[in-house]
Structures are given as C-alpha cells and as structure tokens.
Protein backbone atom coordinates (compact mmCIF):
# COMPACT_ATOMS: atom_id res chain seq x y z
CA UNK A 1 108.96 42.50 61.54
CA UNK A 2 106.12 40.41 60.14
CA UNK A 3 103.26 42.41 58.54
CA UNK A 4 100.65 41.07 60.99
CA UNK A 5 102.82 41.76 64.01
CA UNK A 6 103.69 45.23 62.74
CA UNK A 7 99.97 46.05 62.38
CA UNK A 8 99.29 44.85 65.92
CA UNK A 9 102.10 47.05 67.29
CA UNK A 10 100.84 50.08 65.40
CA UNK A 11 97.31 49.46 66.68
CA UNK A 12 98.63 49.09 70.24
CA UNK A 13 100.54 52.39 69.97
CA UNK A 14 97.51 54.19 68.50
CA UNK A 15 95.14 52.90 71.17
CA UNK A 16 97.67 53.67 73.93
CA UNK A 17 98.02 57.25 72.71
CA UNK A 18 94.23 57.65 72.65
CA UNK A 19 93.94 56.32 76.21
CA UNK A 20 96.60 58.74 77.42
CA UNK A 21 94.58 61.63 76.03
CA UNK A 22 91.42 60.15 77.57
CA UNK A 23 93.08 59.96 80.98
CA UNK A 24 94.26 63.57 80.64
CA UNK A 25 90.76 64.71 79.63
CA UNK A 26 89.17 62.82 82.53
CA UNK A 27 91.66 64.44 84.93
CA UNK A 28 90.81 67.88 83.57
CA UNK A 29 87.06 67.27 83.99
CA UNK A 30 87.62 65.94 87.51
CA UNK A 31 89.66 69.03 88.42
CA UNK A 32 86.95 71.38 87.13
CA UNK A 33 84.23 69.51 89.05
CA UNK A 34 86.38 69.40 92.17
CA UNK A 35 86.88 73.17 92.03
CA UNK A 36 83.42 74.39 91.08
CA UNK A 37 80.87 71.78 92.24
CA UNK A 38 79.78 71.67 95.87
CA UNK A 39 78.30 68.28 96.73
CA UNK A 40 80.83 67.46 99.43
CA UNK A 41 83.76 69.13 101.08
CA UNK A 42 86.38 70.60 98.74
CA UNK A 43 89.33 68.26 98.13
CA UNK A 44 92.45 68.95 100.15
CA UNK A 45 95.90 67.58 99.35
CA UNK A 46 94.84 64.02 100.18
CA UNK A 47 91.62 64.42 98.16
CA UNK A 48 93.45 65.75 95.11
CA UNK A 49 96.00 62.94 95.37
CA UNK A 50 93.26 60.31 95.43
CA UNK A 51 91.26 61.99 92.66
CA UNK A 52 94.16 62.47 90.26
CA UNK A 53 95.67 59.06 91.05
CA UNK A 54 92.40 57.46 89.95
CA UNK A 55 92.92 58.88 86.45
CA UNK A 56 96.30 57.25 85.85
CA UNK A 57 95.11 53.61 85.40
CA UNK A 58 92.94 54.70 82.46
CA UNK A 59 96.08 54.65 80.33
CA UNK A 60 95.95 50.80 80.44
CA UNK A 61 92.16 50.41 80.32
CA UNK A 62 92.05 48.44 77.03
CA UNK A 63 94.77 45.98 78.00
CA UNK A 64 93.80 45.35 81.65
CA UNK A 65 90.16 46.49 82.10
CA UNK A 66 89.49 44.60 85.36
CA UNK A 67 92.80 45.64 86.90
CA UNK A 68 92.11 49.25 85.92
CA UNK A 69 88.62 49.07 87.49
CA UNK A 70 90.05 47.71 90.75
CA UNK A 71 92.74 50.42 90.78
CA UNK A 72 90.13 53.13 90.17
CA UNK A 73 87.89 51.74 92.93
CA UNK A 74 90.89 51.61 95.27
CA UNK A 75 91.33 55.38 94.79
CA UNK A 76 87.69 56.43 94.48
CA UNK A 77 86.29 54.47 97.44
CA UNK A 78 88.31 56.32 100.13
CA UNK A 79 87.73 59.56 98.22
CA UNK A 80 83.95 59.13 98.60
CA UNK A 81 84.28 57.80 102.14
CA UNK A 82 86.07 61.01 103.17
CA UNK A 83 83.12 62.96 101.70
CA UNK A 84 85.09 64.93 99.15
CA UNK A 85 83.24 66.44 96.16
CA UNK A 86 81.51 63.33 94.89
CA UNK A 87 80.79 64.50 91.33
CA UNK A 88 84.51 64.90 90.61
CA UNK A 89 85.10 61.12 90.90
CA UNK A 90 82.11 60.07 88.78
CA UNK A 91 83.66 60.37 85.25
CA UNK A 92 86.66 58.12 85.94
CA UNK A 93 84.45 55.49 87.56
CA UNK A 94 82.02 55.48 84.67
CA UNK A 95 84.85 55.19 82.12
CA UNK A 96 86.30 52.20 83.98
CA UNK A 97 82.87 50.51 84.18
CA UNK A 98 82.16 51.16 80.50
CA UNK A 99 85.53 49.67 79.55
CA UNK A 100 84.83 46.48 81.50
CA UNK A 101 81.42 46.11 79.85
CA UNK A 102 82.60 46.86 76.30
CA UNK A 103 85.64 44.56 76.42
CA UNK A 104 84.20 41.59 78.32
CA UNK A 105 81.37 39.15 78.04
CA UNK A 106 77.86 39.37 79.45
CA UNK A 107 78.73 37.22 82.49
CA UNK A 108 81.66 39.39 83.49
CA UNK A 109 79.58 42.54 83.01
CA UNK A 110 76.79 41.10 85.18
CA UNK A 111 79.19 40.06 87.95
CA UNK A 112 80.97 43.40 87.82
CA UNK A 113 77.72 45.37 87.91
CA UNK A 114 76.38 43.31 90.83
CA UNK A 115 79.61 43.76 92.80
CA UNK A 116 79.92 47.49 92.17
CA UNK A 117 76.26 48.21 92.91
CA UNK A 118 76.45 46.07 96.07
CA UNK A 119 79.56 47.87 97.31
CA UNK A 120 77.98 51.24 96.50
CA UNK A 121 74.85 50.39 98.43
CA UNK A 122 76.81 49.18 101.45
CA UNK A 123 79.13 52.18 101.51
CA UNK A 124 76.35 54.72 101.09
CA UNK A 125 74.19 52.94 103.66
CA UNK A 126 77.01 53.27 106.19
CA UNK A 127 78.09 56.82 105.30
CA UNK A 128 74.76 58.52 104.48
CA UNK A 129 71.84 56.17 105.07
CA UNK A 130 69.35 59.04 104.92
CA UNK A 131 70.14 59.81 101.25
CA UNK A 132 68.19 56.88 99.81
CA UNK A 133 67.29 58.74 96.58
CA UNK A 134 70.94 59.54 95.95
CA UNK A 135 71.83 55.86 96.39
CA UNK A 136 69.24 54.85 93.77
CA UNK A 137 70.47 57.54 91.38
CA UNK A 138 74.06 56.33 91.62
CA UNK A 139 73.02 52.71 91.17
CA UNK A 140 70.95 53.67 88.12
CA UNK A 141 73.93 55.40 86.54
CA UNK A 142 76.11 52.35 87.13
CA UNK A 143 73.56 50.00 85.56
CA UNK A 144 73.01 52.38 82.63
CA UNK A 145 76.73 52.62 81.88
CA UNK A 146 77.13 48.84 82.01
CA UNK A 147 74.13 48.33 79.73
CA UNK A 148 75.45 50.90 77.27
CA UNK A 149 78.87 49.22 77.26
CA UNK A 150 77.28 45.82 76.69
CA UNK A 151 75.18 47.17 73.83
CA UNK A 152 78.25 48.73 72.24
CA UNK A 153 80.14 45.45 72.54
CA UNK A 154 77.32 43.48 70.90
CA UNK A 155 77.04 46.08 68.14
CA UNK A 156 80.77 45.88 67.44
CA UNK A 157 80.67 42.07 67.40
CA UNK A 158 77.76 42.11 64.96
CA UNK A 159 79.52 44.63 62.75
CA UNK A 160 82.73 42.59 62.81
CA UNK A 161 80.81 39.40 62.01
CA UNK A 162 79.02 41.13 59.11
CA UNK A 163 82.35 42.44 57.78
CA UNK A 164 83.89 38.98 58.09
CA UNK A 165 80.96 37.42 56.25
CA UNK A 166 81.25 40.03 53.51
CA UNK A 167 84.99 39.39 53.17
CA UNK A 168 84.45 35.62 53.04
CA UNK A 169 81.71 36.07 50.44
CA UNK A 170 84.01 38.27 48.37
CA UNK A 171 86.82 35.71 48.61
CA UNK A 172 84.37 32.98 47.65
CA UNK A 173 83.20 35.00 44.64
CA UNK A 174 86.78 35.60 43.55
CA UNK A 175 87.68 31.93 43.97
CA UNK A 176 84.55 30.91 42.06
CA UNK A 177 85.40 33.36 39.29
CA UNK A 178 88.96 32.01 39.08
CA UNK A 179 87.63 28.45 39.05
CA UNK A 180 85.18 29.25 36.26
CA UNK A 181 87.92 30.96 34.23
CA UNK A 182 90.19 27.94 34.68
CA UNK A 183 87.41 25.54 33.69
CA UNK A 184 86.55 27.66 30.64
CA UNK A 185 90.20 27.82 29.57
CA UNK A 186 90.47 24.04 29.96
CA UNK A 187 87.26 23.54 27.97
CA UNK A 188 88.51 25.77 25.15
CA UNK A 189 91.88 24.00 25.16
CA UNK A 190 90.17 20.61 24.90
CA UNK A 191 87.83 21.80 22.14
CA UNK A 192 90.69 23.32 20.15
CA UNK A 193 92.79 20.20 20.54
CA UNK A 194 89.96 17.90 19.47
CA UNK A 195 88.97 20.12 16.56
CA UNK A 196 92.45 20.88 15.22
CA UNK A 197 93.82 17.37 15.74
CA UNK A 198 90.82 15.83 14.03
CA UNK A 199 90.75 18.27 11.11
CA UNK A 200 94.51 18.37 10.53
CA UNK A 201 94.77 14.58 10.68
CA UNK A 202 91.99 14.13 8.13
CA UNK A 203 93.37 16.84 5.86
CA UNK A 204 96.76 15.14 6.01
CA UNK A 205 95.28 11.77 5.11
CA UNK A 206 93.17 13.23 2.31
CA UNK A 207 96.17 15.15 0.96
CA UNK A 208 98.18 11.91 0.97
CA UNK A 209 95.41 10.22 -1.02
CA UNK A 210 95.44 13.01 -3.61
CA UNK A 211 99.24 12.90 -3.84
CA UNK A 212 99.15 9.13 -4.24
CA UNK A 213 96.60 9.35 -7.06
CA UNK A 214 98.69 12.01 -8.82
CA UNK A 215 101.95 10.05 -8.50
CA UNK A 216 100.61 6.52 -9.07
CA UNK A 217 100.13 6.73 -12.83
CA UNK A 218 100.52 10.25 -14.29
CA UNK A 219 99.69 8.92 -17.77
CA UNK A 220 96.24 7.77 -16.67
CA UNK A 221 95.34 10.41 -14.14
CA UNK A 222 92.14 9.62 -12.23
CA UNK A 223 90.67 13.09 -12.22
CA UNK A 224 87.53 11.98 -10.39
CA UNK A 225 89.57 10.54 -7.49
CA UNK A 226 91.69 13.69 -7.27
CA UNK A 227 88.60 15.91 -7.37
CA UNK A 228 86.93 13.85 -4.63
CA UNK A 229 90.03 14.06 -2.41
CA UNK A 230 90.23 17.81 -2.90
CA UNK A 231 86.49 18.17 -2.25
CA UNK A 232 86.93 16.20 0.97
CA UNK A 233 89.78 18.51 2.01
CA UNK A 234 87.64 21.58 1.26
CA UNK A 235 84.70 20.12 3.21
CA UNK A 236 86.90 19.33 6.20
CA UNK A 237 88.29 22.88 6.13
CA UNK A 238 84.81 24.39 6.01
CA UNK A 239 83.60 22.23 8.87
CA UNK A 240 86.69 23.03 10.94
CA UNK A 241 86.35 26.75 10.26
CA UNK A 242 82.72 26.82 11.42
CA UNK A 243 83.40 24.82 14.56
CA UNK A 244 86.49 26.89 15.33
CA UNK A 245 84.45 30.10 15.06
CA UNK A 246 81.83 28.68 17.44
CA UNK A 247 84.51 27.61 19.92
CA UNK A 248 86.32 30.94 19.94
CA UNK A 249 83.24 33.17 20.15
CA UNK A 250 83.34 32.84 23.95
CA UNK A 251 86.69 34.65 23.96
CA UNK A 252 85.12 37.69 22.33
CA UNK A 253 82.32 37.93 24.89
CA UNK A 254 83.11 35.80 27.97
CA UNK A 255 80.09 37.18 29.78
CA UNK A 256 77.63 35.76 27.27
CA UNK A 257 77.83 31.95 27.27
CA UNK A 258 74.87 31.71 24.92
CA UNK A 259 77.13 32.90 22.08
CA UNK A 260 78.84 29.52 22.12
CA UNK A 261 76.04 28.04 20.06
CA UNK A 262 74.58 24.56 20.41
CA UNK A 263 76.84 21.89 21.81
CA UNK A 264 77.75 18.95 19.57
CA UNK A 265 75.91 15.77 20.47
CA UNK A 266 74.94 12.30 19.35
CA UNK A 267 73.33 13.75 16.22
CA UNK A 268 76.80 14.71 14.99
CA UNK A 269 78.26 11.17 15.18
CA UNK A 270 77.24 10.20 11.61
CA UNK A 271 79.17 13.22 10.33
CA UNK A 272 82.28 12.08 12.21
CA UNK A 273 81.91 8.61 10.76
CA UNK A 274 81.56 9.99 7.22
CA UNK A 275 84.67 12.14 7.68
CA UNK A 276 86.68 9.13 8.88
CA UNK A 277 85.40 7.09 5.92
CA UNK A 278 86.58 9.85 3.59
CA UNK A 279 90.03 9.38 5.11
CA UNK A 280 90.01 5.73 4.07
CA UNK A 281 88.75 3.97 7.17
CA UNK A 282 85.79 1.60 7.27
CA UNK A 283 83.55 2.84 10.09
CA UNK A 284 80.59 0.91 11.51
CA UNK A 285 78.48 3.23 13.66
CA UNK A 286 75.79 1.93 16.02
CA UNK A 287 73.77 4.39 18.15
CA UNK A 288 71.07 2.83 20.31
CA UNK A 289 69.93 5.75 22.40
CA UNK A 290 67.70 8.77 21.97
CA UNK A 291 68.10 12.24 23.47
CA UNK A 292 70.68 12.71 26.21
CA UNK A 293 71.58 15.78 28.32
CA UNK A 294 73.63 18.30 26.29
CA UNK A 295 76.76 17.88 28.44
CA UNK A 296 76.62 14.08 28.07
CA UNK A 297 76.09 14.33 24.33
CA UNK A 298 78.97 16.79 23.92
CA UNK A 299 81.32 14.56 25.95
CA UNK A 300 80.37 11.49 23.89
CA UNK A 301 80.85 13.43 20.64
CA UNK A 302 84.32 14.65 21.61
CA UNK A 303 85.41 11.22 22.83
CA UNK A 304 84.33 9.59 19.55
CA UNK A 305 85.96 12.39 17.58
CA UNK A 306 89.32 11.98 19.31
CA UNK A 307 89.14 8.17 19.15
CA UNK A 308 88.47 8.26 15.39
CA UNK A 309 91.29 10.77 14.92
CA UNK A 310 93.73 8.49 16.76
CA UNK A 311 92.52 5.45 14.82
CA UNK A 312 93.03 7.16 11.44
CA UNK A 313 96.37 8.65 12.50
CA UNK A 314 97.85 5.57 14.19
CA UNK A 315 96.01 2.72 12.41
CA UNK A 316 99.08 1.92 10.43
CA UNK A 317 97.44 0.32 7.36
CA UNK A 318 94.85 0.78 4.62
CA UNK A 319 91.38 -0.64 5.01
CA UNK A 320 91.26 0.10 8.70
CA UNK A 321 88.08 -1.19 10.35
CA UNK A 322 86.63 0.94 13.15
CA UNK A 323 83.53 0.11 15.20
CA UNK A 324 81.72 2.81 17.15
CA UNK A 325 79.00 1.77 19.60
CA UNK A 326 76.88 4.14 21.68
CA UNK A 327 74.12 2.73 23.87
CA UNK A 328 72.46 3.15 27.24
CA UNK A 329 73.17 0.79 30.12
CA UNK A 330 71.71 1.16 33.61
CA UNK A 331 71.33 4.94 33.67
CA UNK A 332 74.65 5.55 31.88
CA UNK A 333 75.70 6.14 28.31
CA UNK A 334 78.38 3.69 27.16
CA UNK A 335 80.66 4.75 24.33
CA UNK A 336 83.03 2.24 22.76
CA UNK A 337 85.41 2.80 19.83
CA UNK A 338 87.57 -0.11 18.63
CA UNK A 339 89.84 -0.56 15.64
CA UNK A 340 91.98 -3.36 14.23
CA UNK A 341 94.97 -1.23 13.30
CA UNK A 342 98.53 -1.50 14.50
CA UNK A 343 97.91 1.18 17.11
CA UNK A 344 101.37 2.64 16.62
CA UNK A 345 101.83 5.73 18.71
CA UNK A 346 98.48 5.43 20.43
CA UNK A 347 100.13 5.36 23.78
CA UNK A 348 102.61 8.14 23.04
CA UNK A 349 102.56 11.14 25.39
CA UNK A 350 100.11 13.77 24.26
CA UNK A 351 96.86 15.50 25.09
CA UNK A 352 94.45 13.22 23.20
CA UNK A 353 93.96 10.49 25.81
CA UNK A 354 94.24 13.03 28.62
CA UNK A 355 91.54 15.14 26.97
CA UNK A 356 89.22 12.15 26.57
CA UNK A 357 89.59 11.25 30.25
CA UNK A 358 88.91 14.87 31.22
CA UNK A 359 85.80 14.84 29.02
CA UNK A 360 84.52 11.78 30.85
CA UNK A 361 85.38 13.15 34.31
CA UNK A 362 83.69 16.46 33.54
CA UNK A 363 80.31 14.68 33.54
CA UNK A 364 81.17 12.28 36.36
CA UNK A 365 82.16 9.39 34.10
CA UNK A 366 85.17 7.17 33.52
CA UNK A 367 87.23 6.24 30.48
CA UNK A 368 89.61 3.39 29.69
CA UNK A 369 91.88 3.30 26.66
CA UNK A 370 94.52 0.79 25.61
CA UNK A 371 95.64 -1.84 23.10
CA UNK A 372 93.37 -4.80 22.43
CA UNK A 373 94.60 -8.39 22.66
CA UNK A 374 96.36 -9.21 19.43
CA UNK A 375 96.09 -5.97 17.51
CA UNK A 376 94.02 -2.82 17.50
CA UNK A 377 93.08 -0.23 20.09
CA UNK A 378 89.97 0.30 22.20
CA UNK A 379 88.46 3.32 23.92
CA UNK A 380 85.61 2.67 26.36
CA UNK A 381 83.76 5.39 28.31
CA UNK A 382 80.90 5.25 30.79
CA UNK A 383 79.00 8.54 31.15
CA UNK A 384 76.35 8.52 33.91
CA UNK A 385 73.13 10.37 33.11
CA UNK A 386 71.31 10.01 36.44
CA UNK A 387 67.88 11.64 36.51
CA UNK A 388 68.50 13.44 33.23
CA UNK A 389 68.36 10.31 31.16
C-alpha cells in the first residue's frame, strides 16, 4: 500500500472509531434526558426507537454530513411531533448541524440553517403555536450551533493555511540553502582550478627554463639566469599559497563570507601579465576602464588568468605573443585575450574553458573561445555591468 493511501486509511479508521464513541455518548445522554427530564410525555417503545435510531447516523457524520442530517431529521421530526421528551432529541440534532457547518462552506451552512429554522418554525407553529418563546429559543440554538461550526471551520482553514505556508517557507529555505551550498562549492572548484592550473603551469615552465639553462652549457653556467628562474618559481609559490589560503578560508567558517578577503579585480591584471612574462611569453596588456563592480572585476580577472595559463601551456613555441585588452563598451566590460601560438590542446576536454564560460554566466555575460584564422587562439568575453558601471 502506498504511504499516502495508508495514511488516509489510518485517518479514516481513527475518525470512524471516534464517531462511533460519539454516537454512543450521544445515545447515553439522550437516554438520561429521556428518563429524567419532563418537557413532554415520556418516550414509549416507539419514542425510544425513534430517539435511539437518530443516534446511529452519527457514525458516518464526517463522510456524509448532509445525509446524516437528513437521517437525523427523519427520526427527530416525528419524535417531536408526537410530543415526546423534547430535550432528549436536542444533542443529536445539534451534533448533526454542527457537522454540516464545520465540514461545508458558508453557502451550504446558510441554506441548511434557513431550511432547518424554517421547518422548526412551521412544525412548532402547527403543534404548539402558543409557545412562541420556546420557538425563538430553539431557533437561537440552531443559529448559534451553525455559527460556531462555521467559526471552527474558518479557524481550521486558517490554521491549515498557516501550516502550509510555514512548510513551504521551510522547503524554500532548505532549497535556497542547498542552492547556496552548490554555488559556493562550484565557486571554490573554479577558484581552485584557476589558481592551481595557473600556478602549476607557470612553475612547470619556469622549472623547464632553469633545467634548460643548467643543461645548455654546464661549463659556462649562467648563474644569474638560474637564480632568476628559481626566484620566479619561489614568487609563484608564495602568490599561490596566499591565494589558496584566501580561497579555502570559507571552508573553515562557511557562515562568515567576509573571511574570504577582497576579490581579485582589474588591479590584479598587471601581476598576471608579469607572471606570464616570467614564463617566457610576451604580454601586451591594455586596460581602458576604471572601477567596476567586484563580481565583474573578479570574473574578468579569472578569465584573463585562465586564458594566459592556456596560452603559456598550449602556445607551442618560444617568444609567444599574447595581447590582453579590457575596455568598456555600451554598459559592458569586454575582455579579449589573443595569442599567436599553435594552440595545441586548447580545445581538449577539460575544465578551463568550461570554467571561463561559467565565470561569464555568473555575472550575466557571455564568452567565446576558439582558434583564430591562421594560427593562435582567442578568448572574448562580454560582461554586462548595468547600473553598477
């Protein structure tokens, strides 16, 4: 049995058991009133049959409230018409009326109340027209029970709506938390990829330079060139270590985003160019834009970083020329990185190009990357700044 269906069956059994006990309790109260209250003639066999038969439909009051009300009226009406003890039949009638009001809408409650009060007035006017005060009292009780049932129904609906809103809000908070965690994981993965790929690539190139200097002519060792290559390696390691620490601080305290430190931006582009030059590339950097929003600056920085890394790694020759251009154009920041290398492996599967496109999309921008006509590779990104320009 499906979980939802099983819950409905259990609820049906529980409510049915409660209604059985309610019908038994109503019958007991009716019997006591029929025996000890004198506001009509004592019930005989026919009276007791009508009175107790009126209690039986209460067992189905939740499932068929209108049918139960009609069945109760069918038993109670002749009971009152025969002038049996009237108080004994009041509880079952009030329970049936309350059930109709609490399970139905306002229109049904109004129509039911009008019909029952009308029938009560007609019957009492025919049977005991001189008891006008008693007629008003009975009508007042009927209206009061219907109003109480309607109020209870509205209260339950409001409580259910409030509970539903709370559950939806909780689900929304959980979904938002999961979304933020996923975005943060993706951001950290991109940062680590950009940082490690850039640093490891440059260290590899600088190590190759040092090895080449050592092996080229051992008899005339160029100590200055070796020292510079090693200094470049040490500087790259220090820079990578500091940026790695900043990137990973969020993992120590995910609830404090301010521990991430300042985001990289356009001010860091000269440092990227210098690092690529240390790896043997000729980099021409042109930045024709002032301050940009932090998210835009960080995206531009990471795109240039990854593009330079790919150019150095896949350029395929010494004396690689790389041109980096960053400028504003119609409310957007345009970032272009081109090289004249062989571009070998630039299109190989990996996370570099994917990460650059994700960087651009994260700020609502676009990115294109591919081989240039003839030789070389080009990365071009458009990062909209909107009102934050």
